Amino acid sequence: MPLDQLLSGSFLQKFTPFESLTELLQSGGFSAGSAEELKALPQDQLNEHVTKTTSFSSLKDMLVKAAEFYSQRK
């Protein structure tokens, strides 16, 4: 599944203070246009950013919730 569908604007707006994945990443000084690029980012720093700026304890937790949110909307 494309990352922008999983971490959609509607998901991010509901569960985070961000409008988009790009905004979430840029606010932490990150940039990724694909799942591969996201995986290549320093995960400890990304998890720390997610923990500080959202209600999730890690990127993995956010992705799990995003998958649940996506499946409920299908």
PDB file of N, CA and C in Angstrom:
ATOM      1  N   MET A   1       0.841  -1.177   0.000  1.00  0.00           N
ATOM      2  CA  MET A   1       0.000   0.000   0.000  1.00  0.00           C
ATOM      3  C   MET A   1       0.889   1.244   0.000  1.00  0.00           C
ATOM      4  N   PRO A   2       0.579   2.193  -0.854  1.00  0.00           N
ATOM      5  CA  PRO A   2       1.376   3.431  -0.861  1.00  0.00           C
ATOM      6  C   PRO A   2       1.311   4.146   0.483  1.00  0.00           C
ATOM      7  N   LEU A   3       2.427   4.685   0.874  1.00  0.00           N
ATOM      8  CA  LEU A   3       2.552   5.350   2.169  1.00  0.00           C
ATOM      9  C   LEU A   3       1.579   6.518   2.307  1.00  0.00           C
ATOM     10  N   ASP A   4       1.375   7.255   1.224  1.00  0.00           N
ATOM     11  CA  ASP A   4       0.470   8.408   1.304  1.00  0.00           C
ATOM     12  C   ASP A   4      -0.990   7.993   1.468  1.00  0.00           C
ATOM     13  N   GLN A   5      -1.323   6.743   1.107  1.00  0.00           N
ATOM     14  CA  GLN A   5      -2.677   6.240   1.361  1.00  0.00           C
ATOM     15  C   GLN A   5      -2.801   5.778   2.808  1.00  0.00           C
ATOM     16  N   LEU A   6      -1.769   5.121   3.303  1.00  0.00           N
ATOM     17  CA  LEU A   6      -1.784   4.634   4.685  1.00  0.00           C
ATOM     18  C   LEU A   6      -1.765   5.807   5.664  1.00  0.00           C
ATOM     19  N   LEU A   7      -0.832   6.706   5.477  1.00  0.00           N
ATOM     20  CA  LEU A   7      -0.734   7.898   6.333  1.00  0.00           C
ATOM     21  C   LEU A   7      -1.380   9.067   5.589  1.00  0.00           C
ATOM     22  N   SER A   8      -2.661   8.930   5.353  1.00  0.00           N
ATOM     23  CA  SER A   8      -3.419   9.921   4.585  1.00  0.00           C
ATOM     24  C   SER A   8      -3.608  11.213   5.378  1.00  0.00           C
ATOM     25  N   GLY A   9      -3.978  12.244   4.655  1.00  0.00           N
ATOM     26  CA  GLY A   9      -4.269  13.516   5.309  1.00  0.00           C
ATOM     27  C   GLY A   9      -5.373  13.378   6.336  1.00  0.00           C
ATOM     28  N   SER A  10      -6.420  12.614   6.014  1.00  0.00           N
ATOM     29  CA  SER A  10      -7.535  12.469   6.956  1.00  0.00           C
ATOM     30  C   SER A  10      -7.090  11.752   8.232  1.00  0.00           C
ATOM     31  N   PHE A  11      -6.215  10.744   8.109  1.00  0.00           N
ATOM     32  CA  PHE A  11      -5.684  10.061   9.299  1.00  0.00           C
ATOM     33  C   PHE A  11      -4.840  11.022  10.130  1.00  0.00           C
ATOM     34  N   LEU A  12      -3.906  11.693   9.465  1.00  0.00           N
ATOM     35  CA  LEU A  12      -2.992  12.585  10.187  1.00  0.00           C
ATOM     36  C   LEU A  12      -3.741  13.740  10.844  1.00  0.00           C
ATOM     37  N   GLN A  13      -4.743  14.286  10.164  1.00  0.00           N
ATOM     38  CA  GLN A  13      -5.508  15.390  10.736  1.00  0.00           C
ATOM     39  C   GLN A  13      -6.321  14.943  11.947  1.00  0.00           C
ATOM     40  N   LYS A  14      -6.743  13.691  11.941  1.00  0.00           N
ATOM     41  CA  LYS A  14      -7.538  13.179  13.059  1.00  0.00           C
ATOM     42  C   LYS A  14      -6.671  12.825  14.270  1.00  0.00           C
ATOM     43  N   PHE A  15      -5.495  12.269  14.035  1.00  0.00           N
ATOM     44  CA  PHE A  15      -4.688  11.709  15.125  1.00  0.00           C
ATOM     45  C   PHE A  15      -3.393  12.465  15.441  1.00  0.00           C
ATOM     46  N   THR A  16      -3.076  13.491  14.649  1.00  0.00           N
ATOM     47  CA  THR A  16      -1.851  14.259  14.887  1.00  0.00           C
ATOM     48  C   THR A  16      -2.147  15.743  14.648  1.00  0.00           C
ATOM     49  N   PRO A  17      -1.233  16.621  15.030  1.00  0.00           N
ATOM     50  CA  PRO A  17      -1.437  18.046  14.740  1.00  0.00           C
ATOM     51  C   PRO A  17      -1.029  18.428  13.312  1.00  0.00           C
ATOM     52  N   PHE A  18      -0.752  17.450  12.463  1.00  0.00           N
ATOM     53  CA  PHE A  18      -0.240  17.719  11.119  1.00  0.00           C
ATOM     54  C   PHE A  18      -1.305  17.483  10.049  1.00  0.00           C
ATOM     55  N   GLU A  19      -1.161  18.205   8.942  1.00  0.00           N
ATOM     56  CA  GLU A  19      -2.090  18.094   7.820  1.00  0.00           C
ATOM     57  C   GLU A  19      -1.678  16.986   6.849  1.00  0.00           C
ATOM     58  N   SER A  20      -0.387  16.667   6.817  1.00  0.00           N
ATOM     59  CA  SER A  20       0.115  15.701   5.835  1.00  0.00           C
ATOM     60  C   SER A  20       1.371  15.012   6.362  1.00  0.00           C
ATOM     61  N   LEU A  21       1.735  13.921   5.701  1.00  0.00           N
ATOM     62  CA  LEU A  21       2.968  13.214   6.055  1.00  0.00           C
ATOM     63  C   LEU A  21       4.175  14.109   5.805  1.00  0.00           C
ATOM     64  N   THR A  22       4.152  14.849   4.714  1.00  0.00           N
ATOM     65  CA  THR A  22       5.249  15.765   4.403  1.00  0.00           C
ATOM     66  C   THR A  22       5.440  16.770   5.536  1.00  0.00           C
ATOM     67  N   GLU A  23       4.332  17.325   6.025  1.00  0.00           N
ATOM     68  CA  GLU A  23       4.410  18.302   7.116  1.00  0.00           C
ATOM     69  C   GLU A  23       4.973  17.663   8.387  1.00  0.00           C
ATOM     70  N   LEU A  24       4.519  16.463   8.707  1.00  0.00           N
ATOM     71  CA  LEU A  24       5.032  15.740   9.880  1.00  0.00           C
ATOM     72  C   LEU A  24       6.537  15.536   9.761  1.00  0.00           C
ATOM     73  N   LEU A  25       6.981  15.056   8.612  1.00  0.00           N
ATOM     74  CA  LEU A  25       8.404  14.788   8.418  1.00  0.00           C
ATOM     75  C   LEU A  25       9.220  16.077   8.417  1.00  0.00           C
ATOM     76  N   GLN A  26       8.743  17.098   7.698  1.00  0.00           N
ATOM     77  CA  GLN A  26       9.489  18.351   7.615  1.00  0.00           C
ATOM     78  C   GLN A  26       9.638  19.014   8.977  1.00  0.00           C
ATOM     79  N   SER A  27       8.626  18.879   9.830  1.00  0.00           N
ATOM     80  CA  SER A  27       8.712  19.501  11.153  1.00  0.00           C
ATOM     81  C   SER A  27       9.817  18.880  12.003  1.00  0.00           C
ATOM     82  N   GLY A  28      10.232  17.664  11.636  1.00  0.00           N
ATOM     83  CA  GLY A  28      11.326  17.018  12.340  1.00  0.00           C
ATOM     84  C   GLY A  28      12.638  17.061  11.585  1.00  0.00           C
ATOM     85  N   GLY A  29      12.639  17.755  10.451  1.00  0.00           N
ATOM     86  CA  GLY A  29      13.852  17.845   9.645  1.00  0.00           C
ATOM     87  C   GLY A  29      14.082  16.638   8.763  1.00  0.00           C
ATOM     88  N   PHE A  30      13.012  15.883   8.479  1.00  0.00           N
ATOM     89  CA  PHE A  30      13.123  14.681   7.651  1.00  0.00           C
ATOM     90  C   PHE A  30      12.468  14.923   6.298  1.00  0.00           C
ATOM     91  N   SER A  31      12.803  14.053   5.349  1.00  0.00           N
ATOM     92  CA  SER A  31      12.178  14.093   4.037  1.00  0.00           C
ATOM     93  C   SER A  31      12.133  12.681   3.488  1.00  0.00           C
ATOM     94  N   ALA A  32      10.935  12.264   3.030  1.00  0.00           N
ATOM     95  CA  ALA A  32      10.798  10.936   2.426  1.00  0.00           C
ATOM     96  C   ALA A  32       9.599  10.954   1.505  1.00  0.00           C
ATOM     97  N   GLY A  33       9.780  10.439   0.311  1.00  0.00           N
ATOM     98  CA  GLY A  33       8.690  10.397  -0.659  1.00  0.00           C
ATOM     99  C   GLY A  33       8.141   9.007  -0.878  1.00  0.00           C
ATOM    100  N   SER A  34       8.756   8.021  -0.240  1.00  0.00           N
ATOM    101  CA  SER A  34       8.305   6.642  -0.423  1.00  0.00           C
ATOM    102  C   SER A  34       8.546   5.857   0.863  1.00  0.00           C
ATOM    103  N   ALA A  35       7.955   4.678   0.925  1.00  0.00           N
ATOM    104  CA  ALA A  35       8.157   3.812   2.088  1.00  0.00           C
ATOM    105  C   ALA A  35       9.630   3.448   2.235  1.00  0.00           C
ATOM    106  N   GLU A  36      10.314   3.245   1.098  1.00  0.00           N
ATOM    107  CA  GLU A  36      11.740   2.886   1.145  1.00  0.00           C
ATOM    108  C   GLU A  36      12.556   4.037   1.754  1.00  0.00           C
ATOM    109  N   GLU A  37      12.232   5.259   1.339  1.00  0.00           N
ATOM    110  CA  GLU A  37      12.945   6.415   1.885  1.00  0.00           C
ATOM    111  C   GLU A  37      12.633   6.595   3.369  1.00  0.00           C
ATOM    112  N   LEU A  38      11.390   6.325   3.756  1.00  0.00           N
ATOM    113  CA  LEU A  38      11.017   6.422   5.168  1.00  0.00           C
ATOM    114  C   LEU A  38      11.798   5.404   5.998  1.00  0.00           C
ATOM    115  N   LYS A  39      11.937   4.188   5.482  1.00  0.00           N
ATOM    116  CA  LYS A  39      12.689   3.142   6.187  1.00  0.00           C
ATOM    117  C   LYS A  39      14.167   3.494   6.307  1.00  0.00           C
ATOM    118  N   ALA A  40      14.672   4.279   5.356  1.00  0.00           N
ATOM    119  CA  ALA A  40      16.093   4.634   5.356  1.00  0.00           C
ATOM    120  C   ALA A  40      16.419   5.742   6.358  1.00  0.00           C
ATOM    121  N   LEU A  41      15.397   6.428   6.854  1.00  0.00           N
ATOM    122  CA  LEU A  41      15.630   7.488   7.836  1.00  0.00           C
ATOM    123  C   LEU A  41      16.082   6.890   9.165  1.00  0.00           C
ATOM    124  N   PRO A  42      16.809   7.657   9.968  1.00  0.00           N
ATOM    125  CA  PRO A  42      17.228   7.159  11.287  1.00  0.00           C
ATOM    126  C   PRO A  42      15.993   6.911  12.166  1.00  0.00           C
ATOM    127  N   GLN A  43      15.685   5.644  12.378  1.00  0.00           N
ATOM    128  CA  GLN A  43      14.442   5.271  13.056  1.00  0.00           C
ATOM    129  C   GLN A  43      14.361   5.773  14.491  1.00  0.00           C
ATOM    130  N   ASP A  44      15.486   5.803  15.201  1.00  0.00           N
ATOM    131  CA  ASP A  44      15.436   6.294  16.572  1.00  0.00           C
ATOM    132  C   ASP A  44      15.058   7.774  16.607  1.00  0.00           C
ATOM    133  N   GLN A  45      15.604   8.565  15.693  1.00  0.00           N
ATOM    134  CA  GLN A  45      15.274   9.988  15.629  1.00  0.00           C
ATOM    135  C   GLN A  45      13.829  10.196  15.170  1.00  0.00           C
ATOM    136  N   LEU A  46      13.390   9.391  14.220  1.00  0.00           N
ATOM    137  CA  LEU A  46      12.016   9.491  13.724  1.00  0.00           C
ATOM    138  C   LEU A  46      11.026   9.097  14.819  1.00  0.00           C
ATOM    139  N   ASN A  47      11.320   8.025  15.542  1.00  0.00           N
ATOM    140  CA  ASN A  47      10.459   7.616  16.655  1.00  0.00           C
ATOM    141  C   ASN A  47      10.396   8.700  17.729  1.00  0.00           C
ATOM    142  N   GLU A  48      11.517   9.321  18.018  1.00  0.00           N
ATOM    143  CA  GLU A  48      11.560  10.391  19.009  1.00  0.00           C
ATOM    144  C   GLU A  48      10.678  11.566  18.560  1.00  0.00           C
ATOM    145  N   HIS A  49      10.754  11.895  17.283  1.00  0.00           N
ATOM    146  CA  HIS A  49       9.929  12.985  16.738  1.00  0.00           C
ATOM    147  C   HIS A  49       8.438  12.628  16.824  1.00  0.00           C
ATOM    148  N   VAL A  50       8.088  11.402  16.448  1.00  0.00           N
ATOM    149  CA  VAL A  50       6.690  10.952  16.516  1.00  0.00           C
ATOM    150  C   VAL A  50       6.197  10.994  17.959  1.00  0.00           C
ATOM    151  N   THR A  51       7.031  10.550  18.890  1.00  0.00           N
ATOM    152  CA  THR A  51       6.657  10.553  20.308  1.00  0.00           C
ATOM    153  C   THR A  51       6.426  11.977  20.822  1.00  0.00           C
ATOM    154  N   LYS A  52       7.285  12.902  20.424  1.00  0.00           N
ATOM    155  CA  LYS A  52       7.187  14.290  20.899  1.00  0.00           C
ATOM    156  C   LYS A  52       6.001  15.042  20.297  1.00  0.00           C
ATOM    157  N   THR A  53       5.651  14.735  19.050  1.00  0.00           N
ATOM    158  CA  THR A  53       4.683  15.577  18.330  1.00  0.00           C
ATOM    159  C   THR A  53       3.312  14.934  18.134  1.00  0.00           C
ATOM    160  N   THR A  54       3.168  13.659  18.494  1.00  0.00           N
ATOM    161  CA  THR A  54       1.878  12.980  18.339  1.00  0.00           C
ATOM    162  C   THR A  54       1.573  12.206  19.615  1.00  0.00           C
ATOM    163  N   SER A  55       0.424  11.539  19.628  1.00  0.00           N
ATOM    164  CA  SER A  55       0.065  10.715  20.784  1.00  0.00           C
ATOM    165  C   SER A  55       0.593   9.288  20.655  1.00  0.00           C
ATOM    166  N   PHE A  56       1.350   9.017  19.603  1.00  0.00           N
ATOM    167  CA  PHE A  56       1.894   7.674  19.384  1.00  0.00           C
ATOM    168  C   PHE A  56       3.266   7.528  20.024  1.00  0.00           C
ATOM    169  N   SER A  57       3.579   6.304  20.447  1.00  0.00           N
ATOM    170  CA  SER A  57       4.862   6.081  21.119  1.00  0.00           C
ATOM    171  C   SER A  57       5.986   5.743  20.144  1.00  0.00           C
ATOM    172  N   SER A  58       5.632   5.468  18.881  1.00  0.00           N
ATOM    173  CA  SER A  58       6.646   5.185  17.865  1.00  0.00           C
ATOM    174  C   SER A  58       6.001   5.261  16.483  1.00  0.00           C
ATOM    175  N   LEU A  59       6.838   5.276  15.476  1.00  0.00           N
ATOM    176  CA  LEU A  59       6.335   5.256  14.099  1.00  0.00           C
ATOM    177  C   LEU A  59       5.551   3.977  13.853  1.00  0.00           C
ATOM    178  N   LYS A  60       6.041   2.868  14.399  1.00  0.00           N
ATOM    179  CA  LYS A  60       5.352   1.588  14.218  1.00  0.00           C
ATOM    180  C   LYS A  60       3.934   1.655  14.795  1.00  0.00           C
ATOM    181  N   ASP A  61       3.790   2.216  15.988  1.00  0.00           N
ATOM    182  CA  ASP A  61       2.461   2.364  16.586  1.00  0.00           C
ATOM    183  C   ASP A  61       1.549   3.206  15.695  1.00  0.00           C
ATOM    184  N   MET A  62       2.108   4.272  15.128  1.00  0.00           N
ATOM    185  CA  MET A  62       1.319   5.127  14.251  1.00  0.00           C
ATOM    186  C   MET A  62       0.906   4.372  12.986  1.00  0.00           C
ATOM    187  N   LEU A  63       1.801   3.571  12.436  1.00  0.00           N
ATOM    188  CA  LEU A  63       1.489   2.796  11.231  1.00  0.00           C
ATOM    189  C   LEU A  63       0.426   1.734  11.507  1.00  0.00           C
ATOM    190  N   VAL A  64       0.483   1.108  12.670  1.00  0.00           N
ATOM    191  CA  VAL A  64      -0.528   0.107  13.040  1.00  0.00           C
ATOM    192  C   VAL A  64      -1.899   0.770  13.122  1.00  0.00           C
ATOM    193  N   LYS A  65      -1.971   1.910  13.791  1.00  0.00           N
ATOM    194  CA  LYS A  65      -3.241   2.640  13.901  1.00  0.00           C
ATOM    195  C   LYS A  65      -3.711   3.104  12.530  1.00  0.00           C
ATOM    196  N   ALA A  66      -2.793   3.538  11.692  1.00  0.00           N
ATOM    197  CA  ALA A  66      -3.145   3.982  10.340  1.00  0.00           C
ATOM    198  C   ALA A  66      -3.725   2.833   9.530  1.00  0.00           C
ATOM    199  N   ALA A  67      -3.175   1.636   9.682  1.00  0.00           N
ATOM    200  CA  ALA A  67      -3.698   0.465   8.968  1.00  0.00           C
ATOM    201  C   ALA A  67      -5.113   0.145   9.445  1.00  0.00           C
ATOM    202  N   GLU A  68      -5.352   0.240  10.742  1.00  0.00           N
ATOM    203  CA  GLU A  68      -6.698   0.017  11.282  1.00  0.00           C
ATOM    204  C   GLU A  68      -7.664   1.064  10.726  1.00  0.00           C
ATOM    205  N   PHE A  69      -7.249   2.318  10.734  1.00  0.00           N
ATOM    206  CA  PHE A  69      -8.069   3.416  10.240  1.00  0.00           C
ATOM    207  C   PHE A  69      -8.389   3.206   8.761  1.00  0.00           C
ATOM    208  N   TYR A  70      -7.390   2.810   7.986  1.00  0.00           N
ATOM    209  CA  TYR A  70      -7.566   2.576   6.553  1.00  0.00           C
ATOM    210  C   TYR A  70      -8.553   1.434   6.308  1.00  0.00           C
ATOM    211  N   SER A  71      -8.396   0.348   7.042  1.00  0.00           N
ATOM    212  CA  SER A  71      -9.270  -0.829   6.825  1.00  0.00           C
ATOM    213  C   SER A  71     -10.704  -0.534   7.234  1.00  0.00           C
ATOM    214  N   GLN A  72     -10.919   0.317   8.213  1.00  0.00           N
ATOM    215  CA  GLN A  72     -12.272   0.690   8.626  1.00  0.00           C
ATOM    216  C   GLN A  72     -12.963   1.552   7.584  1.00  0.00           C
ATOM    217  N   ARG A  73     -12.190   2.256   6.784  1.00  0.00           N
ATOM    218  CA  ARG A  73     -12.767   3.145   5.776  1.00  0.00           C
ATOM    219  C   ARG A  73     -13.002   2.445   4.453  1.00  0.00           C
ATOM    220  N   LYS A  74     -12.517   1.259   4.304  1.00  0.00           N
ATOM    221  CA  LYS A  74     -12.705   0.508   3.057  1.00  0.00           C
ATOM    222  C   LYS A  74     -14.025  -0.197   3.052  1.00  0.00           C
TER     223      LYS A  74
END
